[in-house]
N, C-alpha and C. Protein backbone atom coordinates (compact mmCIF):
# COMPACT_ATOMS: atom_id res chain seq x y z
N MET A 1 0.83 -1.19 0.01
CA MET A 1 0.00 0.00 -0.01
C MET A 1 0.88 1.24 0.00
N PHE A 2 1.53 1.53 1.09
CA PHE A 2 2.52 2.66 1.14
C PHE A 2 3.88 2.01 1.02
N ASP A 3 4.74 2.70 0.30
CA ASP A 3 6.10 2.16 0.13
C ASP A 3 6.99 2.81 1.23
N ILE A 4 6.79 2.31 2.46
CA ILE A 4 7.54 2.81 3.60
C ILE A 4 8.42 1.69 4.10
N GLY A 5 9.72 1.96 4.17
CA GLY A 5 10.63 0.96 4.68
C GLY A 5 10.82 1.03 6.13
N PHE A 6 11.67 0.15 6.64
CA PHE A 6 11.91 0.11 8.09
C PHE A 6 12.57 1.37 8.60
N SER A 7 13.52 1.88 7.82
CA SER A 7 14.21 3.12 8.24
C SER A 7 13.24 4.31 8.39
N GLU A 8 12.29 4.44 7.46
CA GLU A 8 11.29 5.51 7.58
C GLU A 8 10.45 5.34 8.80
N LEU A 9 10.01 4.11 9.06
CA LEU A 9 9.23 3.87 10.30
C LEU A 9 10.02 4.18 11.55
N LEU A 10 11.27 3.85 11.57
CA LEU A 10 12.12 4.15 12.70
C LEU A 10 12.24 5.65 12.92
N VAL A 11 12.39 6.43 11.85
CA VAL A 11 12.47 7.89 11.97
C VAL A 11 11.17 8.46 12.52
N ILE A 12 10.04 7.94 12.01
CA ILE A 12 8.73 8.41 12.49
C ILE A 12 8.56 8.08 13.98
N ALA A 13 9.00 6.93 14.39
CA ALA A 13 8.86 6.49 15.79
C ALA A 13 9.72 7.38 16.72
N VAL A 14 10.92 7.68 16.29
CA VAL A 14 11.77 8.58 17.09
C VAL A 14 11.20 9.98 17.16
N ILE A 15 10.74 10.56 16.08
CA ILE A 15 10.16 11.88 16.10
C ILE A 15 8.88 11.85 16.99
N THR A 16 8.05 10.83 16.88
CA THR A 16 6.86 10.72 17.74
C THR A 16 7.26 10.66 19.18
N LEU A 17 8.27 9.90 19.52
CA LEU A 17 8.71 9.76 20.90
C LEU A 17 9.20 11.11 21.42
N ILE A 18 9.90 11.88 20.61
CA ILE A 18 10.39 13.20 21.03
C ILE A 18 9.24 14.13 21.26
N VAL A 19 8.29 14.18 20.27
CA VAL A 19 7.15 15.12 20.37
C VAL A 19 6.16 14.75 21.49
N MET A 20 5.80 13.46 21.56
CA MET A 20 4.73 13.01 22.51
C MET A 20 5.29 12.79 23.89
N GLY A 21 6.52 12.39 23.99
CA GLY A 21 7.06 12.03 25.28
C GLY A 21 6.75 10.59 25.61
N PRO A 22 7.57 9.99 26.43
CA PRO A 22 7.42 8.55 26.74
C PRO A 22 6.17 8.26 27.60
N GLU A 23 5.63 9.21 28.34
CA GLU A 23 4.46 8.93 29.17
C GLU A 23 3.16 8.97 28.37
N ARG A 24 3.05 9.75 27.29
CA ARG A 24 1.81 9.82 26.50
C ARG A 24 1.87 8.92 25.27
N LEU A 25 3.01 8.43 24.91
CA LEU A 25 3.18 7.62 23.70
C LEU A 25 2.30 6.34 23.69
N PRO A 26 2.25 5.53 24.74
CA PRO A 26 1.42 4.36 24.69
C PRO A 26 -0.06 4.62 24.48
N GLN A 27 -0.57 5.68 25.16
CA GLN A 27 -1.96 6.08 24.97
C GLN A 27 -2.23 6.54 23.55
N THR A 28 -1.28 7.28 22.97
CA THR A 28 -1.46 7.76 21.62
C THR A 28 -1.45 6.58 20.57
N VAL A 29 -0.55 5.67 20.80
CA VAL A 29 -0.49 4.48 19.92
C VAL A 29 -1.77 3.70 20.02
N ARG A 30 -2.29 3.53 21.23
CA ARG A 30 -3.54 2.79 21.42
C ARG A 30 -4.69 3.52 20.72
N SER A 31 -4.76 4.81 20.79
CA SER A 31 -5.84 5.59 20.14
C SER A 31 -5.74 5.53 18.61
N ILE A 32 -4.52 5.63 18.08
CA ILE A 32 -4.33 5.49 16.67
C ILE A 32 -4.74 4.11 16.17
N SER A 33 -4.34 3.08 16.92
CA SER A 33 -4.69 1.70 16.54
C SER A 33 -6.22 1.49 16.55
N LEU A 34 -6.91 2.10 17.56
CA LEU A 34 -8.31 2.01 17.63
C LEU A 34 -8.98 2.66 16.43
N TRP A 35 -8.51 3.87 16.05
CA TRP A 35 -9.10 4.54 14.88
C TRP A 35 -8.84 3.79 13.57
N ILE A 36 -7.68 3.22 13.49
CA ILE A 36 -7.37 2.44 12.28
C ILE A 36 -8.30 1.23 12.18
N GLY A 37 -8.50 0.50 13.28
CA GLY A 37 -9.41 -0.63 13.36
C GLY A 37 -10.82 -0.24 12.99
N ARG A 38 -11.29 0.88 13.49
CA ARG A 38 -12.61 1.34 13.18
C ARG A 38 -12.72 1.71 11.67
N LEU A 39 -11.70 2.35 11.14
CA LEU A 39 -11.71 2.70 9.70
C LEU A 39 -11.76 1.42 8.84
N LYS A 40 -10.96 0.37 9.21
CA LYS A 40 -10.98 -0.87 8.44
C LYS A 40 -12.34 -1.53 8.52
N GLN A 41 -12.97 -1.49 9.72
CA GLN A 41 -14.26 -2.10 9.89
C GLN A 41 -15.35 -1.37 9.06
N MET A 42 -15.25 -0.02 9.04
CA MET A 42 -16.21 0.76 8.26
C MET A 42 -16.04 0.47 6.72
N LEU A 43 -14.82 0.39 6.26
CA LEU A 43 -14.56 0.11 4.86
C LEU A 43 -15.01 -1.30 4.48
N SER A 44 -14.82 -2.26 5.39
CA SER A 44 -15.27 -3.60 5.12
C SER A 44 -16.76 -3.67 5.07
N SER A 45 -17.41 -3.00 5.98
CA SER A 45 -18.88 -2.95 6.01
C SER A 45 -19.42 -2.27 4.74
N ALA A 46 -18.82 -1.17 4.34
CA ALA A 46 -19.25 -0.50 3.13
C ALA A 46 -19.10 -1.37 1.90
N ARG A 47 -17.98 -2.06 1.82
CA ARG A 47 -17.74 -2.99 0.71
C ARG A 47 -18.76 -4.11 0.64
N ARG A 48 -19.07 -4.68 1.83
CA ARG A 48 -20.00 -5.77 1.89
C ARG A 48 -21.40 -5.26 1.49
N ASP A 49 -21.81 -4.08 1.97
CA ASP A 49 -23.09 -3.48 1.57
C ASP A 49 -23.15 -3.21 0.07
N PHE A 50 -22.07 -2.70 -0.49
CA PHE A 50 -22.02 -2.40 -1.91
C PHE A 50 -22.15 -3.63 -2.72
N GLU A 51 -21.43 -4.68 -2.33
CA GLU A 51 -21.56 -5.96 -3.05
C GLU A 51 -22.96 -6.57 -2.98
N GLN A 52 -23.59 -6.37 -1.85
CA GLN A 52 -24.95 -6.84 -1.71
C GLN A 52 -25.90 -6.06 -2.62
N GLU A 53 -25.72 -4.75 -2.66
CA GLU A 53 -26.58 -3.90 -3.48
C GLU A 53 -26.42 -4.25 -4.98
N VAL A 54 -25.22 -4.42 -5.40
CA VAL A 54 -24.93 -4.66 -6.82
C VAL A 54 -25.24 -6.10 -7.17
N GLY A 55 -25.20 -7.00 -6.20
CA GLY A 55 -25.46 -8.38 -6.49
C GLY A 55 -24.25 -9.09 -6.96
N MET A 56 -23.11 -8.86 -6.40
CA MET A 56 -21.85 -9.42 -6.88
C MET A 56 -21.85 -10.96 -6.74
N ASP A 57 -22.52 -11.50 -5.74
CA ASP A 57 -22.53 -12.93 -5.63
C ASP A 57 -23.22 -13.59 -6.81
N GLU A 58 -24.34 -12.98 -7.28
CA GLU A 58 -25.03 -13.52 -8.43
C GLU A 58 -24.21 -13.37 -9.67
N VAL A 59 -23.50 -12.24 -9.82
CA VAL A 59 -22.65 -12.05 -10.97
C VAL A 59 -21.51 -13.04 -10.98
N ARG A 60 -20.89 -13.29 -9.81
CA ARG A 60 -19.81 -14.28 -9.76
C ARG A 60 -20.32 -15.70 -10.13
N GLN A 61 -21.51 -16.04 -9.59
CA GLN A 61 -22.09 -17.33 -9.86
C GLN A 61 -22.42 -17.47 -11.36
N GLN A 62 -22.97 -16.40 -11.96
CA GLN A 62 -23.27 -16.45 -13.37
C GLN A 62 -22.00 -16.63 -14.24
N LEU A 63 -20.95 -15.89 -13.85
CA LEU A 63 -19.67 -16.03 -14.65
C LEU A 63 -19.11 -17.43 -14.48
N HIS A 64 -19.25 -17.99 -13.29
CA HIS A 64 -18.73 -19.37 -13.05
C HIS A 64 -19.56 -20.33 -13.87
N ASN A 65 -20.89 -20.19 -13.92
CA ASN A 65 -21.73 -21.03 -14.72
C ASN A 65 -21.43 -20.95 -16.18
N GLU A 66 -21.16 -19.70 -16.67
CA GLU A 66 -20.86 -19.54 -18.07
C GLU A 66 -19.55 -20.20 -18.42
N LYS A 67 -18.58 -20.10 -17.52
CA LYS A 67 -17.27 -20.77 -17.78
C LYS A 67 -17.47 -22.30 -17.89
N ILE A 68 -18.24 -22.85 -16.99
CA ILE A 68 -18.51 -24.29 -17.01
C ILE A 68 -19.19 -24.67 -18.32
N MET A 69 -20.22 -23.93 -18.73
CA MET A 69 -20.90 -24.22 -19.98
C MET A 69 -19.96 -24.12 -21.18
N ARG A 70 -19.10 -23.11 -21.18
CA ARG A 70 -18.12 -22.95 -22.25
C ARG A 70 -17.17 -24.16 -22.29
N ASP A 71 -16.72 -24.59 -21.15
CA ASP A 71 -15.82 -25.75 -21.07
C ASP A 71 -16.53 -27.03 -21.54
N LEU A 72 -17.82 -27.17 -21.18
CA LEU A 72 -18.58 -28.34 -21.64
C LEU A 72 -18.75 -28.29 -23.16
N GLY A 73 -19.01 -27.11 -23.71
CA GLY A 73 -19.14 -27.00 -25.16
C GLY A 73 -17.88 -27.38 -25.91
N GLU A 74 -16.76 -26.91 -25.36
CA GLU A 74 -15.48 -27.25 -25.97
C GLU A 74 -15.20 -28.74 -25.91
N THR A 75 -15.51 -29.38 -24.75
CA THR A 75 -15.32 -30.81 -24.63
C THR A 75 -16.25 -31.55 -25.59
N LYS A 76 -17.48 -31.08 -25.74
CA LYS A 76 -18.40 -31.72 -26.68
C LYS A 76 -17.88 -31.64 -28.09
N GLU A 77 -17.37 -30.47 -28.47
CA GLU A 77 -16.79 -30.33 -29.83
C GLU A 77 -15.63 -31.22 -30.06
N GLN A 78 -14.76 -31.33 -29.05
CA GLN A 78 -13.60 -32.17 -29.19
C GLN A 78 -14.00 -33.66 -29.31
N LEU A 79 -14.96 -34.08 -28.53
CA LEU A 79 -15.49 -35.43 -28.62
C LEU A 79 -16.14 -35.69 -29.97
N GLN A 80 -16.86 -34.76 -30.45
CA GLN A 80 -17.52 -34.87 -31.78
C GLN A 80 -16.49 -35.03 -32.88
N ARG A 81 -15.44 -34.21 -32.77
CA ARG A 81 -14.35 -34.29 -33.79
C ARG A 81 -13.70 -35.67 -33.75
N THR A 82 -13.50 -36.16 -32.52
CA THR A 82 -12.89 -37.48 -32.37
C THR A 82 -13.74 -38.59 -32.97
N LEU A 83 -15.04 -38.48 -32.63
CA LEU A 83 -15.95 -39.52 -33.17
C LEU A 83 -16.09 -39.41 -34.68
N ASP A 84 -15.98 -38.23 -35.26
CA ASP A 84 -16.13 -38.06 -36.69
C ASP A 84 -14.84 -38.41 -37.46
N SER A 85 -13.76 -38.55 -36.75
CA SER A 85 -12.52 -38.80 -37.46
C SER A 85 -12.53 -40.16 -38.17
N LYS A 86 -11.81 -40.24 -39.24
CA LYS A 86 -11.78 -41.44 -40.04
C LYS A 86 -11.03 -42.56 -39.36
N THR A 87 -10.06 -42.26 -38.53
CA THR A 87 -9.30 -43.33 -37.89
C THR A 87 -10.15 -44.10 -36.92
N LEU A 88 -11.06 -43.46 -36.25
CA LEU A 88 -11.95 -44.18 -35.35
C LEU A 88 -12.91 -45.09 -36.12
N GLN A 89 -13.37 -44.63 -37.26
CA GLN A 89 -14.27 -45.46 -38.10
C GLN A 89 -13.48 -46.64 -38.64
N ASP A 90 -12.24 -46.40 -39.08
CA ASP A 90 -11.42 -47.52 -39.56
C ASP A 90 -11.18 -48.57 -38.45
N ALA A 91 -10.92 -48.09 -37.27
CA ALA A 91 -10.68 -49.01 -36.16
C ALA A 91 -11.95 -49.81 -35.90
N ALA A 92 -13.09 -49.19 -35.95
CA ALA A 92 -14.35 -49.93 -35.72
C ALA A 92 -14.56 -50.96 -36.80
N GLU A 93 -14.25 -50.63 -38.07
CA GLU A 93 -14.41 -51.59 -39.14
C GLU A 93 -13.45 -52.74 -38.97
N ASP A 94 -12.20 -52.50 -38.54
CA ASP A 94 -11.23 -53.58 -38.29
C ASP A 94 -11.69 -54.50 -37.22
N VAL A 95 -12.34 -53.96 -36.18
CA VAL A 95 -12.83 -54.81 -35.11
C VAL A 95 -14.03 -55.67 -35.61
N MET A 96 -14.85 -55.07 -36.44
CA MET A 96 -16.04 -55.79 -36.89
C MET A 96 -15.76 -56.85 -37.94
N LYS A 97 -14.66 -56.74 -38.69
CA LYS A 97 -14.37 -57.69 -39.74
C LYS A 97 -14.24 -59.14 -39.21
N PRO A 98 -13.44 -59.37 -38.16
CA PRO A 98 -13.34 -60.76 -37.70
C PRO A 98 -14.68 -61.31 -37.17
N LEU A 99 -15.52 -60.42 -36.69
CA LEU A 99 -16.82 -60.87 -36.18
C LEU A 99 -17.75 -61.21 -37.32
N ASP A 100 -17.59 -60.57 -38.46
CA ASP A 100 -18.46 -60.81 -39.59
C ASP A 100 -17.98 -61.97 -40.44
N SER A 101 -16.78 -62.47 -40.21
CA SER A 101 -16.24 -63.57 -41.06
C SER A 101 -17.10 -64.85 -40.78
N ASN A 102 -17.08 -65.76 -41.72
CA ASN A 102 -17.90 -66.95 -41.81
C ASN A 102 -18.19 -67.56 -40.44
N PRO A 103 -19.41 -67.31 -39.90
CA PRO A 103 -19.77 -67.82 -38.58
C PRO A 103 -20.12 -69.33 -38.67
N SER A 104 -20.29 -69.93 -39.82
CA SER A 104 -20.71 -71.33 -39.87
C SER A 104 -19.53 -72.27 -39.65
N GLU A 105 -18.26 -71.76 -39.71
CA GLU A 105 -17.11 -72.59 -39.51
C GLU A 105 -17.07 -72.98 -38.03
N PRO A 106 -16.80 -74.24 -37.75
CA PRO A 106 -16.68 -74.67 -36.37
C PRO A 106 -15.45 -74.06 -35.76
N LYS A 107 -15.60 -73.72 -34.51
CA LYS A 107 -14.44 -73.17 -33.80
C LYS A 107 -13.59 -74.33 -33.33
N PRO A 108 -12.29 -74.16 -33.40
CA PRO A 108 -11.41 -75.26 -32.87
C PRO A 108 -11.58 -75.40 -31.39
N THR A 109 -11.63 -76.62 -30.94
CA THR A 109 -11.81 -76.84 -29.51
C THR A 109 -10.46 -77.33 -28.93
N LYS A 110 -10.33 -77.23 -27.68
CA LYS A 110 -9.10 -77.67 -26.97
C LYS A 110 -9.20 -79.17 -26.84
N LYS A 111 -8.18 -79.86 -27.13
CA LYS A 111 -8.12 -81.28 -26.90
C LYS A 111 -7.67 -81.52 -25.48
N SER A 112 -8.30 -82.47 -24.88
CA SER A 112 -7.94 -82.76 -23.48
C SER A 112 -6.65 -83.64 -23.45
N ALA A 113 -6.07 -83.72 -22.33
CA ALA A 113 -4.83 -84.50 -22.17
C ALA A 113 -5.08 -86.00 -22.31
N ASN A 114 -6.27 -86.50 -22.12
CA ASN A 114 -6.59 -87.90 -22.13
C ASN A 114 -6.63 -88.42 -23.59
N GLU A 115 -6.89 -87.60 -24.54
CA GLU A 115 -7.02 -88.07 -25.93
C GLU A 115 -5.76 -88.29 -26.62
């Protein structure tokens, strides 16, 4: 947020100690911390109220649903391209050829060890 390094914070602390004095410094730090906490709470509350007014949850949900539908559409297109490809049809034909061959031929049987 602010680009303040350790050395700048140290200078601010020393100047504050000199101006405020060691006896009032803890009370001042406590008061400043309290005001910062209240400011953060007010900003958080305002943001939450704004998001409720605008309906950010519904917008986020709608965007998430649209992304899912887009992904499903892409997957469907990829699957359709795969099914339409010639190599898949050729593979299916190769599998079906042995099944379609002369079914009237007797299948060879295993001979038992006794014969």
